[in-house]
Amino acid sequence: MNETPLRIRMTGEGDTRVIEVTGEVDLNSSPQLRGKMLELIEQYKGRLVVDLAGVNYMDSSGVGTMVELKRRVERQGGSVVLARLQPRVRSVFEITQLDKFFTIVDDLDEARRA
């Protein structure tokens, strides 16, 4: 598989931060994603929108990282919304029934209101 390098960037202001994730999230890249996410949630303890529009592949290790992120953020009193999932990635959340655990929305405006 020709893997797309993982890029993670946080933007936003006010009470919402958007974490843009681009690339493939798999067993090799999920530790990088986990480390960066934990670093970002130490800096900010509010609503996080994880924009996954640029993620074309995510395996179970990436899903596990998202579950851990959500649990940690909620323990700090914040919330996590997943936004703009590509169909292939969304199906992973649906198959595992984690679409019921996460708030998943189609666009960033909706994510900011969720």
Protein backbone atom coordinates (compact mmCIF):
# COMPACT_ATOMS: atom_id res chain seq x y z
CA MET A 1 0.00 0.00 0.00
CA ASN A 2 1.32 3.45 -0.88
CA GLU A 3 0.78 5.14 2.45
CA THR A 4 -0.12 8.82 2.69
CA PRO A 5 1.97 10.52 5.42
CA LEU A 6 0.00 11.57 8.47
CA ARG A 7 -0.44 15.29 9.13
CA ILE A 8 -2.19 16.75 12.16
CA ARG A 9 -2.96 20.43 12.68
CA MET A 10 -5.14 22.29 15.18
CA THR A 11 -6.99 25.49 14.30
CA GLY A 12 -9.84 27.48 15.75
CA GLU A 13 -10.70 29.99 18.40
CA GLY A 14 -13.32 30.56 21.05
CA ASP A 15 -14.73 27.44 22.63
CA THR A 16 -14.02 25.07 19.70
CA ARG A 17 -10.79 23.73 18.24
CA VAL A 18 -10.62 21.81 14.98
CA ILE A 19 -8.01 19.08 14.63
CA GLU A 20 -7.44 18.39 10.94
CA VAL A 21 -6.08 14.92 10.26
CA THR A 22 -4.75 14.05 6.81
CA GLY A 23 -3.31 10.74 5.63
CA GLU A 24 -3.78 7.11 6.52
CA VAL A 25 -4.32 6.10 10.14
CA ASP A 26 -3.08 2.57 10.71
CA LEU A 27 -0.92 0.50 13.03
CA ASN A 28 2.19 2.41 11.91
CA SER A 29 0.80 5.94 12.14
CA SER A 30 -1.68 5.70 15.03
CA PRO A 31 1.05 6.12 17.72
CA GLN A 32 1.98 9.44 16.05
CA LEU A 33 -1.70 10.44 15.99
CA ARG A 34 -2.13 9.45 19.64
CA GLY A 35 0.93 11.41 20.75
CA LYS A 36 -0.06 14.55 18.88
CA MET A 37 -3.69 14.36 20.07
CA LEU A 38 -2.63 13.95 23.70
CA GLU A 39 -0.31 16.96 23.31
CA LEU A 40 -3.14 19.04 21.84
CA ILE A 41 -5.68 18.13 24.54
CA GLU A 42 -3.19 19.16 27.20
CA GLN A 43 -3.14 22.64 25.63
CA TYR A 44 -6.89 22.92 25.21
CA LYS A 45 -9.72 21.53 27.32
CA GLY A 46 -12.98 22.31 25.50
CA ARG A 47 -14.86 21.11 22.44
CA LEU A 48 -12.71 19.34 19.87
CA VAL A 49 -13.83 18.72 16.32
CA VAL A 50 -11.73 16.06 14.61
CA ASP A 51 -11.91 16.78 10.87
CA LEU A 52 -11.26 13.48 9.10
CA ALA A 53 -12.00 14.66 5.54
CA GLY A 54 -8.37 14.04 4.58
CA VAL A 55 -8.25 10.51 6.00
CA ASN A 56 -8.90 7.92 3.32
CA TYR A 57 -8.06 4.88 5.46
CA MET A 58 -8.34 4.07 9.17
CA ASP A 59 -7.88 0.69 10.79
CA SER A 60 -8.82 -0.53 14.28
CA SER A 61 -5.73 1.03 15.86
CA GLY A 62 -6.86 4.45 14.62
CA VAL A 63 -10.38 3.86 15.88
CA GLY A 64 -8.92 2.89 19.27
CA THR A 65 -6.97 6.15 19.33
CA MET A 66 -10.20 8.10 18.68
CA VAL A 67 -11.97 6.24 21.52
CA GLU A 68 -9.11 7.04 23.90
CA LEU A 69 -9.13 10.70 22.83
CA LYS A 70 -12.88 10.99 23.42
CA ARG A 71 -12.67 9.41 26.88
CA ARG A 72 -9.78 11.65 27.98
CA VAL A 73 -11.40 14.84 26.68
CA GLU A 74 -14.71 14.01 28.35
CA ARG A 75 -12.92 13.32 31.67
CA GLN A 76 -11.57 16.88 31.37
CA GLY A 77 -15.09 18.23 30.82
CA GLY A 78 -14.78 18.69 27.06
CA SER A 79 -16.39 16.97 24.09
CA VAL A 80 -15.31 15.40 20.81
CA VAL A 81 -17.15 15.54 17.49
CA LEU A 82 -15.96 13.66 14.41
CA ALA A 83 -16.59 15.51 11.14
CA ARG A 84 -16.47 14.91 7.40
CA LEU A 85 -15.63 11.19 7.44
CA GLN A 86 -15.03 9.63 4.05
CA PRO A 87 -17.38 6.69 3.35
CA ARG A 88 -14.66 4.07 3.83
CA VAL A 89 -13.69 5.50 7.23
CA ARG A 90 -17.29 6.04 8.31
CA SER A 91 -18.08 2.39 7.56
CA VAL A 92 -15.42 1.32 10.08
CA PHE A 93 -17.24 3.29 12.79
CA GLU A 94 -20.61 1.88 11.67
CA ILE A 95 -19.43 -1.76 11.53
CA THR A 96 -18.04 -1.47 15.06
CA GLN A 97 -21.19 0.41 16.14
CA LEU A 98 -19.02 3.29 17.37
CA ASP A 99 -21.19 5.63 15.32
CA LYS A 100 -23.49 5.41 18.36
CA PHE A 101 -20.62 6.25 20.77
CA PHE A 102 -19.34 9.26 18.80
CA THR A 103 -21.14 12.33 17.53
CA ILE A 104 -20.44 12.14 13.79
CA VAL A 105 -21.46 15.00 11.50
CA ASP A 106 -21.12 15.81 7.81
CA ASP A 107 -19.70 19.34 7.94
CA LEU A 108 -17.74 21.68 10.18
CA ASP A 109 -20.58 24.14 10.76
CA GLU A 110 -22.72 21.31 12.10
CA ALA A 111 -19.78 20.11 14.20
CA ARG A 112 -19.41 23.50 15.87
CA ARG A 113 -23.10 23.38 16.85
CA ALA A 114 -23.15 19.69 17.95
